[in-house]
Structures are given as structure tokens and as C-alpha cells.
Protein backbone atom coordinates (compact mmCIF):
# COMPACT_ATOMS: atom_id res chain seq x y z
CA MET A 1 27.23 -37.94 -70.99
CA ARG A 2 27.39 -39.90 -67.78
CA LEU A 3 29.18 -43.16 -67.26
CA PRO A 4 27.03 -46.31 -67.08
CA ASP A 5 25.66 -47.15 -63.66
CA ARG A 6 28.09 -49.03 -61.50
CA PRO A 7 26.97 -51.87 -59.24
CA ARG A 8 26.62 -50.74 -55.67
CA PRO A 9 28.35 -52.66 -52.87
CA HIS A 10 26.08 -54.96 -50.93
CA LEU A 11 25.60 -53.69 -47.40
CA SER A 12 24.20 -56.73 -45.67
CA MET A 13 23.79 -54.99 -42.31
CA ARG A 14 21.16 -52.67 -43.80
CA ALA A 15 18.91 -55.67 -44.46
CA THR A 16 19.33 -57.56 -41.23
CA GLY A 17 17.60 -57.94 -37.95
CA VAL A 18 19.68 -57.89 -34.78
CA SER A 19 19.36 -60.62 -32.19
CA LEU A 20 20.82 -59.24 -28.96
CA LYS A 21 22.99 -61.24 -26.64
CA HIS A 22 23.11 -60.54 -22.91
CA LYS A 23 26.37 -58.58 -22.87
CA PHE A 24 27.56 -55.41 -24.49
CA GLY A 25 31.00 -53.93 -24.80
CA GLU A 26 31.06 -50.59 -22.98
CA LEU A 27 33.41 -47.76 -23.86
CA LYS A 28 33.69 -45.74 -20.69
CA PRO A 29 35.80 -42.95 -19.22
CA GLN A 30 38.08 -43.84 -16.38
CA LYS A 31 40.98 -42.17 -14.62
CA SER A 32 43.46 -44.91 -15.37
CA ASP A 33 43.85 -48.60 -16.07
CA SER A 34 46.59 -51.04 -16.94
CA GLN A 35 47.24 -49.10 -20.12
CA GLY A 36 47.51 -45.80 -18.28
CA LEU A 37 44.49 -44.03 -19.73
CA ALA A 38 44.07 -40.35 -18.91
CA LEU A 39 40.87 -38.35 -18.86
CA PRO A 40 39.01 -37.92 -21.10
CA GLY A 41 40.21 -41.29 -22.33
CA PHE A 42 38.14 -44.43 -22.50
CA SER A 43 38.66 -48.08 -21.90
CA ASN A 44 39.74 -50.22 -24.84
CA LEU A 45 37.44 -52.63 -26.62
CA ASN A 46 38.42 -55.61 -24.45
CA HIS A 47 34.84 -56.09 -23.27
CA ALA A 48 33.26 -55.82 -26.71
CA VAL A 49 30.97 -58.74 -27.42
CA LYS A 50 29.75 -59.42 -30.92
CA TRP A 51 26.04 -59.67 -31.31
CA GLY A 52 24.46 -62.47 -33.27
CA VAL A 53 22.99 -61.39 -36.55
CA ARG A 54 20.34 -63.17 -38.51
CA VAL A 55 19.36 -62.17 -42.01
CA GLU A 56 15.74 -61.13 -42.38
CA ASN A 57 13.75 -60.55 -45.53
CA GLU A 58 11.54 -57.97 -43.83
CA ASN A 59 11.95 -54.27 -44.48
CA TYR A 60 14.76 -52.92 -42.31
CA GLU A 61 12.87 -49.88 -41.09
CA LYS A 62 9.81 -51.92 -40.08
CA LYS A 63 12.06 -54.39 -38.32
CA LEU A 64 13.70 -51.65 -36.29
CA ALA A 65 10.34 -50.13 -35.41
CA LYS A 66 9.13 -53.48 -34.05
CA SER A 67 12.26 -54.34 -32.10
CA HIS A 68 11.26 -52.60 -28.87
CA ASP A 69 12.25 -55.61 -26.83
CA ASP A 70 15.77 -55.41 -28.21
CA LEU A 71 15.91 -51.67 -27.55
CA LYS A 72 14.68 -52.15 -24.01
CA THR A 73 17.59 -54.53 -23.51
CA VAL A 74 19.94 -51.78 -24.65
CA LEU A 75 18.29 -49.22 -22.37
CA GLU A 76 18.68 -51.50 -19.36
CA TYR A 77 22.34 -50.53 -19.38
CA TYR A 78 21.42 -46.91 -18.66
CA PRO A 79 20.28 -45.34 -15.36
CA ILE A 80 16.90 -44.34 -16.77
CA ASP A 81 13.31 -45.56 -16.66
CA PRO A 82 12.09 -45.52 -20.29
CA LYS A 83 8.39 -44.77 -20.74
CA SER A 84 8.10 -44.97 -24.52
CA ILE A 85 10.25 -45.59 -27.61
CA LYS A 86 9.59 -43.98 -30.97
CA LEU A 87 11.59 -44.49 -34.16
CA LEU A 88 12.55 -41.11 -35.63
CA PHE A 89 14.36 -42.26 -38.77
CA THR A 90 16.71 -44.83 -40.23
CA ARG A 91 18.97 -44.39 -43.24
CA GLY A 92 22.57 -44.71 -44.29
CA GLY A 93 23.42 -47.16 -41.51
CA ARG A 94 22.20 -44.79 -38.79
CA SER A 95 18.97 -45.01 -36.77
CA LYS A 96 17.55 -42.77 -34.05
CA TRP A 97 14.81 -43.27 -31.49
CA LEU A 98 13.13 -40.78 -29.19
CA ILE A 99 13.10 -42.15 -25.65
CA GLU A 100 10.63 -40.64 -23.19
CA SER A 101 12.04 -41.34 -19.73
CA ASP A 102 11.93 -40.26 -16.10
CA GLN A 103 14.88 -37.99 -16.95
CA GLY A 104 13.18 -36.26 -19.87
CA ASN A 105 13.38 -36.89 -23.58
CA LEU A 106 16.51 -38.64 -24.84
CA ILE A 107 17.87 -39.80 -28.19
CA LEU A 108 19.15 -43.35 -28.65
CA ARG A 109 21.34 -43.60 -31.74
CA GLN A 110 22.47 -46.79 -33.43
CA GLU A 111 25.22 -46.53 -36.00
CA TYR A 112 26.95 -49.12 -38.14
CA ILE A 113 30.54 -48.04 -37.67
CA ASN A 114 33.81 -49.47 -36.49
CA PRO A 115 33.61 -49.11 -32.67
CA LYS A 116 37.20 -47.89 -32.64
CA ARG A 117 36.17 -45.05 -34.93
CA MET A 118 33.18 -44.23 -32.73
CA LEU A 119 35.48 -44.27 -29.72
CA PHE A 120 37.40 -41.43 -31.39
CA ILE A 121 34.17 -39.48 -32.06
CA VAL A 122 32.49 -40.05 -28.71
CA GLY A 123 35.72 -39.14 -26.94
CA ALA A 124 35.64 -35.82 -28.77
CA HIS A 125 31.97 -35.31 -27.82
CA TRP A 126 32.81 -35.92 -24.17
CA HIS A 127 35.76 -33.53 -24.45
CA LEU A 128 33.57 -30.75 -25.91
CA GLN A 129 30.90 -31.38 -23.29
CA ASN A 130 33.44 -31.04 -20.48
CA LYS A 131 34.78 -27.85 -22.06
CA GLY A 132 31.32 -26.30 -21.77
CA LEU A 133 30.37 -26.21 -25.44
CA PRO A 134 26.56 -25.99 -25.89
CA ILE A 135 26.04 -29.53 -27.16
CA ALA A 136 23.56 -32.27 -26.25
CA LYS A 137 24.96 -34.07 -23.22
CA LEU A 138 25.91 -37.72 -23.49
CA ILE A 139 24.24 -40.03 -20.98
CA PRO A 140 26.72 -42.57 -19.54
CA THR A 141 25.69 -46.14 -18.78
CA LYS A 142 25.28 -47.39 -15.24
CA ARG A 143 28.94 -48.42 -15.33
CA GLY A 144 30.11 -45.11 -16.74
CA GLY A 145 30.33 -46.12 -20.39
CA LEU A 146 29.62 -43.63 -23.15
CA CYS A 147 28.98 -46.27 -25.84
CA LEU A 148 27.68 -49.79 -26.15
CA SER A 149 29.83 -51.62 -28.68
CA GLY A 150 28.33 -54.34 -30.83
CA GLY A 151 31.15 -55.40 -33.10
CA ASP A 152 30.42 -53.39 -36.24
CA HIS A 153 27.86 -51.05 -34.72
CA VAL A 154 27.43 -48.88 -31.65
CA TYR A 155 24.68 -47.41 -29.47
CA LEU A 156 24.90 -44.11 -27.64
CA LEU A 157 22.37 -42.11 -25.63
CA TYR A 158 22.17 -38.34 -25.27
CA GLU A 159 19.80 -35.49 -24.52
CA ALA A 160 17.05 -34.61 -26.97
CA ARG A 161 17.67 -30.89 -27.22
CA GLU A 162 14.65 -28.87 -28.28
CA GLY A 163 14.59 -25.48 -29.94
CA GLU A 164 14.00 -23.65 -33.19
CA PRO A 165 16.03 -24.84 -36.21
CA LEU A 166 18.72 -22.54 -37.52
CA LEU A 167 17.78 -21.04 -40.88
CA TYR A 168 20.22 -20.57 -43.74
CA TYR A 169 18.46 -17.42 -44.95
CA ASN A 170 18.44 -15.67 -41.56
CA LYS A 171 21.54 -13.47 -41.26
CA SER A 172 21.37 -13.31 -37.47
CA GLN A 173 21.27 -17.10 -37.24
CA MET A 174 24.07 -17.41 -39.78
CA MET A 175 26.15 -15.21 -37.45
CA LYS A 176 25.27 -17.46 -34.50
CA THR A 177 26.41 -20.46 -36.54
CA MET A 178 29.79 -18.89 -37.26
CA ALA A 179 30.25 -17.92 -33.60
CA PHE A 180 29.43 -21.51 -32.61
CA THR A 181 31.97 -22.83 -35.13
CA GLY A 182 34.58 -20.62 -33.49
CA ALA A 183 33.59 -21.93 -30.05
CA PHE A 184 33.73 -25.50 -31.37
CA HIS A 185 37.29 -25.08 -32.64
CA LYS A 186 38.40 -23.34 -29.46
CA ALA A 187 36.88 -26.05 -27.25
CA SER A 188 38.40 -28.84 -29.36
CA GLU A 189 41.95 -27.83 -28.39
CA GLY A 190 43.66 -30.22 -26.04
CA TYR A 191 41.76 -33.33 -27.14
CA LEU A 192 43.66 -36.55 -26.45
CA PRO A 193 42.07 -39.42 -28.41
CA PRO A 194 41.65 -42.48 -26.18
CA PRO A 195 44.02 -45.41 -26.65
CA GLY A 196 42.55 -47.99 -28.99
CA SER A 197 40.54 -45.43 -30.95
CA LYS A 198 40.88 -45.10 -34.69
CA ARG A 199 41.68 -41.54 -35.65
CA ARG A 200 40.53 -39.77 -38.77
CA THR A 201 42.87 -37.08 -40.00
CA ARG A 202 43.15 -34.97 -43.12
CA THR A 203 45.99 -32.80 -41.91
CA GLY A 204 48.87 -33.22 -44.33
CA LYS A 205 46.59 -34.63 -47.06
CA TRP A 206 45.46 -31.42 -48.72
CA LYS A 207 47.93 -31.59 -51.59
CA LYS A 208 46.94 -35.15 -52.39
CA LEU A 209 43.24 -34.21 -52.34
CA TYR A 210 43.79 -31.17 -54.55
CA ARG A 211 45.79 -33.20 -57.08
CA TRP A 212 43.15 -35.92 -57.17
CA LYS A 213 40.33 -33.43 -57.79
CA ILE A 214 42.32 -31.58 -60.45
CA GLN A 215 43.03 -34.83 -62.26
CA GLU A 216 39.36 -35.78 -62.12
CA LEU A 217 38.44 -32.42 -63.65
CA GLU A 218 40.91 -33.08 -66.46
CA ASP A 219 39.38 -36.53 -67.00
CA ASN A 220 35.81 -35.20 -66.91
CA LYS A 221 36.82 -32.57 -69.45
CA LYS A 222 37.69 -35.35 -71.88
CA ILE A 223 34.34 -37.05 -71.22
CA ALA A 224 32.47 -33.77 -71.77
CA GLN A 225 34.30 -33.14 -75.06
CA GLU A 226 32.91 -36.42 -76.39
CA ASP A 227 29.33 -35.18 -75.93
CA PRO A 228 29.29 -31.38 -76.40
CA GLU A 229 25.54 -31.41 -77.16
CA ASP A 230 24.81 -32.47 -73.60
CA GLU A 231 23.75 -29.27 -71.78
CA PHE A 232 25.61 -30.11 -68.56
CA SER A 233 28.77 -30.87 -70.55
CA ARG A 234 28.38 -27.63 -72.49
CA LEU A 235 28.27 -25.61 -69.26
CA PHE A 236 31.11 -27.68 -67.85
CA LEU A 237 33.35 -26.96 -70.85
CA GLU A 238 32.54 -23.24 -70.68
CA ASN A 239 33.87 -23.04 -67.12
CA VAL A 240 36.30 -25.90 -66.50
CA ASP A 241 39.46 -24.16 -67.72
CA ARG A 242 38.94 -21.27 -65.32
CA MET A 243 38.26 -23.71 -62.48
CA LEU A 244 41.39 -25.69 -63.36
CA LYS A 245 43.43 -22.48 -63.30
CA ARG A 246 42.18 -21.72 -59.80
CA GLY A 247 42.84 -25.30 -58.74
CA TYR A 248 46.45 -25.24 -59.90
CA GLU A 249 47.00 -21.85 -58.25
CA ALA A 250 45.58 -23.12 -54.96
CA LEU A 251 47.77 -26.22 -55.12
CA GLU A 252 50.86 -24.04 -55.57
CA GLU A 253 49.84 -21.84 -52.63
CA LEU A 254 49.94 -24.86 -50.30
CA ASP A 255 53.74 -24.61 -50.51
CA ARG A 256 53.64 -21.40 -48.49
CA PRO A 257 55.18 -21.72 -45.00
CA GLY A 258 51.96 -20.54 -43.35
CA PHE A 259 50.13 -23.69 -44.40
CA THR A 260 52.85 -25.99 -43.05
CA GLN A 261 53.08 -24.07 -39.79
CA TRP A 262 49.32 -24.15 -39.19
CA SER A 263 49.20 -27.88 -39.96
CA GLU A 264 51.91 -28.54 -37.37
CA GLU A 265 50.18 -26.33 -34.79
CA THR A 266 46.89 -28.16 -35.34
CA ILE A 267 48.47 -31.56 -34.75
CA ARG A 268 50.18 -30.35 -31.57
CA SER A 269 47.06 -28.68 -30.18
CA GLY A 270 44.74 -31.68 -30.69
CA MET A 271 42.23 -29.46 -32.50
CA PHE A 272 39.63 -31.14 -34.70
CA CYS A 273 36.89 -30.20 -37.17
CA GLN A 274 33.32 -31.36 -37.68
CA GLN A 275 34.03 -33.18 -40.96
CA ASP A 276 30.85 -31.70 -42.45
CA ASP A 277 29.96 -28.39 -40.81
CA THR A 278 26.23 -27.82 -41.27
CA MET A 279 23.33 -25.90 -39.71
CA ALA A 280 21.11 -28.98 -40.04
CA ARG A 281 22.32 -30.35 -36.68
CA MET A 282 21.92 -27.02 -34.90
CA ILE A 283 19.06 -25.35 -33.03
CA VAL A 284 18.56 -21.99 -31.31
CA LYS A 285 17.88 -22.18 -27.57
CA ASP A 286 17.77 -19.04 -25.41
CA GLU A 287 19.28 -17.00 -28.26
CA GLN A 288 22.25 -19.40 -28.44
CA ALA A 289 23.22 -21.92 -31.10
CA VAL A 290 23.23 -25.47 -29.74
CA MET A 291 24.46 -28.69 -31.39
CA LYS A 292 21.90 -31.49 -31.23
CA ASP A 293 24.44 -34.25 -31.88
CA LEU A 294 27.92 -34.87 -33.22
CA HIS A 295 28.11 -37.32 -36.12
CA SER A 296 31.78 -37.23 -37.03
CA ILE A 297 35.06 -35.38 -36.57
CA THR A 298 38.43 -35.25 -38.25
CA ILE A 299 41.78 -33.80 -37.26
CA ASP A 300 42.23 -30.92 -39.68
CA LEU A 301 42.70 -27.18 -39.96
CA PRO A 302 39.75 -24.99 -38.90
CA ALA A 303 39.84 -23.62 -42.46
CA ARG A 304 38.17 -26.84 -43.60
CA ASP A 305 35.01 -26.21 -41.55
CA LEU A 306 34.99 -22.54 -42.54
CA ARG A 307 35.26 -23.33 -46.23
CA ILE A 308 32.48 -25.93 -46.04
CA ILE A 309 30.00 -23.79 -44.10
CA LEU A 310 30.70 -20.63 -46.15
CA ASN A 311 30.23 -22.51 -49.41
CA LYS A 312 26.93 -23.93 -48.12
CA LEU A 313 25.66 -20.54 -46.98
CA MET A 314 26.56 -18.81 -50.24
CA LYS A 315 24.99 -21.63 -52.28
CA LYS A 316 21.73 -20.91 -50.48
CA LEU A 317 22.03 -17.25 -51.50
CA ALA A 318 23.00 -18.25 -55.07
CA VAL A 319 25.76 -15.62 -55.06
CA TRP A 320 28.99 -15.01 -53.17
CA ASP A 321 28.14 -11.95 -51.07
CA THR A 322 31.49 -10.43 -50.03
CA ASP A 323 29.98 -8.14 -47.38
CA VAL A 324 28.03 -10.96 -45.73
CA VAL A 325 31.04 -13.30 -45.74
CA SER A 326 33.16 -10.57 -44.16
CA GLU A 327 30.62 -10.19 -41.35
CA LEU A 328 30.36 -13.96 -40.88
CA LEU A 329 34.12 -14.34 -40.57
CA SER A 330 34.20 -11.45 -38.13
CA ALA A 331 31.64 -13.28 -35.96
CA TYR A 332 33.90 -16.35 -36.01
CA ASP A 333 37.05 -14.32 -35.36
CA ARG A 334 35.62 -12.67 -32.25
CA VAL A 335 35.41 -16.13 -30.67
CA HIS A 336 38.42 -17.87 -32.24
CA PRO A 337 40.84 -15.35 -33.81
CA LEU A 338 42.98 -16.43 -36.75
CA SER A 339 46.22 -14.87 -37.93
CA GLU A 340 46.75 -13.25 -41.32
CA ASP A 341 48.66 -16.31 -42.56
CA GLN A 342 45.84 -18.59 -41.38
CA TYR A 343 43.26 -16.53 -43.25
CA ARG A 344 45.43 -16.78 -46.35
CA VAL A 345 45.14 -20.57 -46.05
CA LEU A 346 41.36 -20.20 -45.88
CA TRP A 347 41.46 -18.03 -49.02
CA THR A 348 43.45 -20.78 -50.74
CA ASP A 349 40.86 -23.40 -49.84
CA LEU A 350 38.05 -21.11 -50.98
CA LYS A 351 39.89 -20.50 -54.24
CA PHE A 352 40.02 -24.23 -54.96
CA PRO A 353 36.81 -25.12 -56.89
CA HIS A 354 35.47 -27.71 -54.45
CA LEU A 355 31.82 -27.08 -55.38
CA PHE A 356 32.49 -27.33 -59.11
CA CYS A 357 34.47 -30.54 -58.58
CA ALA A 358 31.79 -32.09 -56.39
CA ILE A 359 28.84 -31.65 -58.74
CA SER A 360 30.76 -32.72 -61.85
CA HIS A 361 31.95 -35.80 -59.92
CA LYS A 362 28.32 -36.66 -59.08
CA TYR A 363 27.13 -36.08 -62.63
CA TYR A 364 29.73 -37.99 -64.59
CA LEU A 365 29.80 -40.91 -62.15
CA GLY A 366 26.00 -41.03 -61.90
CA GLN A 367 26.02 -40.83 -58.11
CA LYS A 368 22.73 -38.95 -57.67
CA LYS A 369 20.24 -41.54 -58.91
CA SER A 370 17.26 -39.44 -57.81
CA TRP A 371 18.37 -36.35 -59.73
CA GLY A 372 17.13 -35.78 -63.25
CA ASP A 373 18.95 -33.64 -65.80
CA GLU A 374 16.96 -30.53 -64.87
CA LYS A 375 17.90 -30.77 -61.21
CA PHE A 376 21.56 -31.28 -62.12
CA LEU A 377 21.44 -28.24 -64.39
CA MET A 378 19.70 -26.10 -61.77
CA ASN A 379 22.31 -26.94 -59.14
CA PHE A 380 25.19 -26.62 -61.60
CA ARG A 381 24.09 -23.13 -62.70
CA ASN A 382 23.81 -22.13 -59.05
CA ILE A 383 27.34 -23.36 -58.33
CA ILE A 384 28.76 -21.63 -61.40
CA ALA A 385 27.14 -18.35 -60.27
CA VAL A 386 28.59 -18.74 -56.77
CA GLU A 387 32.08 -19.64 -58.00
CA ASN A 388 32.16 -16.81 -60.54
CA SER A 389 30.97 -14.18 -58.05
CA LYS A 390 33.48 -15.51 -55.50
CA GLU A 391 36.43 -14.30 -57.60
CA ALA A 392 35.94 -10.65 -56.61
CA PHE A 393 36.08 -11.73 -52.96
CA LEU A 394 39.27 -13.73 -53.52
CA SER A 395 41.02 -10.68 -55.00
CA GLN A 396 40.29 -8.44 -51.98
CA PHE A 397 42.14 -10.28 -49.23
CA ASP A 398 43.88 -7.29 -47.63
CA GLN A 399 40.73 -5.17 -47.38
CA ILE A 400 38.51 -8.01 -46.17
CA TYR A 401 41.09 -9.10 -43.60
CA GLN A 402 41.13 -5.55 -42.21
CA ASN A 403 37.33 -5.57 -42.10
CA ILE A 404 37.30 -8.87 -40.21
CA LYS A 405 39.72 -7.59 -37.60
CA GLY A 406 38.37 -4.05 -37.59
CA GLU A 407 34.90 -5.12 -36.50
CA LYS A 408 36.38 -6.50 -33.29
CA SER A 409 37.28 -3.05 -31.93
């Protein structure tokens, strides 16, 4: 039994046209200013100019596709000669265009986001680029800006990297993904967010998140008990107590000193994570994994990215393959080695039933409007199979840790 549909918040910007003014706020790197910025810092939002917005009844996507004049105005701020503009997609407050120019193919991205938040993200992108990470290069404006700020939305321009997509079912490409994740974390160290940026951090919030998810499982258990004939609820009730047990155990393990120490080290080092580590934004070029763009980051332990990508990979396989995971972690460890205590934190986060929590959250709150009952059941059975087969892996920490480190010699 799902809860009744809840009204969705009205996002007026998704149904508007944009009338451009003649000035844009630029977020640009500079050696110093009156506020004492240091590379790779950026200027504050003092020059940001709000753009006029008029509400249109036309379809948003069609409006964007027709607004070439507006886009040409944006591109005038860049040292390029655009030849053609093609809309690639628009959804979720984000739009992308392919720009054919005298400097090759480029991507212009528009995103409805607080410019201070984007300043934090684009600063990280610039930091990774300067560290030599294989990532699409940002194209600065004529004045050296990395973003054009428009009040509640931002434009940025970067290379259109071309290559073969990374495949979830290709073990060699999975290994490349893990090696890239290690390189990403290593390159992220030393990042100094620019003054005026709005940071996103989850370091120090794990306990709160675990408690919230555990409480939601307890609440969903009560909902499921009211409708035991519902097939999803029946499967949920068969497995929820075991998932709750793992959740409570993981919460208790966060009191270990290794977790606190790693959290403190992460804050001091400036390291950040991808927020949602995925192969979807990766390609293979010259036998190397390359990131096409960077959508978001958060200050958090590397274990977060590892847990997310490993869960995704094993969901694709529909089983938790201990041998494959051991090899994947070894590929990561060769690039960015973790200590035994740090791997124990990863084991804790893998023990917590994030996948089980996520799909039950979507089901009982009716968040996947396009999913019918059969699709929910198919995905739920897959997740249950992965979580159940994961338990053998969780119980073999010492042996798997030795395998991870042993493959380095």
C-alpha cells in the first residue's frame, strides 16, 4: 500500500522563457583581490546581474531549442566562433547544447542552481583539471571567468569529449572506473573552496542519515503490516527485520575511532566525492576512463563514492560477487590506497541497507510515478538478491582486505 500522491512543488523556472540582459555575472579565477583570494579561488558574486524572466505558456524544451539568439549572446562572452548550436537535452532544471566552433565541439550547459553552489562545484572542476585528472576541460570566458551567473541559474562551457561509453557489464571497464575513482579522490586533495561559495558537506552527518533511514524503515514496516496482501509489502516484511539488524549494527560501528579519524582527515585534506558516482558520465578514450562533465560534489569520505558505485555495479549483475568486488577494490587501491581502518568504514557503509531503504522509500511515498507494480517488484527482488548475497562478503573482511592489498605486489 502506497501513500496517496502528494502535490509536487511548482517549479516556475521550468516553464519560463529567459529574456537576456546585456550583462552577466562572471565567476573567474584570479590570483588575488580585495578579499585575498588564492588560486584556484574565484571572484565573489559581486558582478552577478539578474536576468529578466517572463513566463511563457510554450513548451520549455521547444522554447530552449528556438532561443539561439539568446544562446549566441551567452557565447559572445567566450573566445570562440560558434558555427552551430544543437540542443542535446533538457530535464530536471539542466539543459545542454552541442556547440560546433572554430575550437572544436563544445558543450554549453545551463543549470538552475544557486550560483554560490555552482561556484563550489566549478571550483572543484578547475582544481581537478589543474591536477591533471582526465576530465573535460572548462573553457574560460574572455575575461577569465569559468561561469556566467544569472541569479538562480548558471552557464558553463567545456569540451565535448568523445569516446566509447563505459559499460557496466564489461569487467575491464569496471576496473577502469574504479581506478578513475581512485584518481579522482587523490586529485581532489588540497581543494580550497573559493570565498563566497556554498559548500555541500556530508562529513559528520552519517549518524543522522543512518538514524533517519532506520526510522523510515520502522515506519514503512507499520504501513506494510496494514496491507500484507500487497506483494511488495509481503517481500518487504520478509526481509525488513534482517535489514534493520544490519542498519543498527552499522550505526553502532560508526562509534569506532577509525570513522572519526578519517572524517577529521578528510576535512583537513579538502578531499571531496562525486555525490553520485556513476559510469554514465564516463567514456573510454585511448584505453583510459575520462569524465565528460562534473555535475556535483560533496565533502565526504571516499567510502561514500565506493559504496555507491559498488552497489550500482552489483545491482547490474543481480548478485554480490565477492571475487569481482575484491578485484575492483584492488584496482582502486593501486591508485589511492586506503588503510585497514578506512576499509572497515567502507564495510560499515556497505553493511547499511541503503539499497533496501531507497526502493522502499520510493514505493511507499509513490515517488516513481512511471513505475508500475511489476517494475517495482522486479527491482525490489533484484535488490533483495544483492543484499542477501552481500552478507557473505561482509563476513570475510580480513581475507578480502588481504586480497586487496596482496594484488598490489
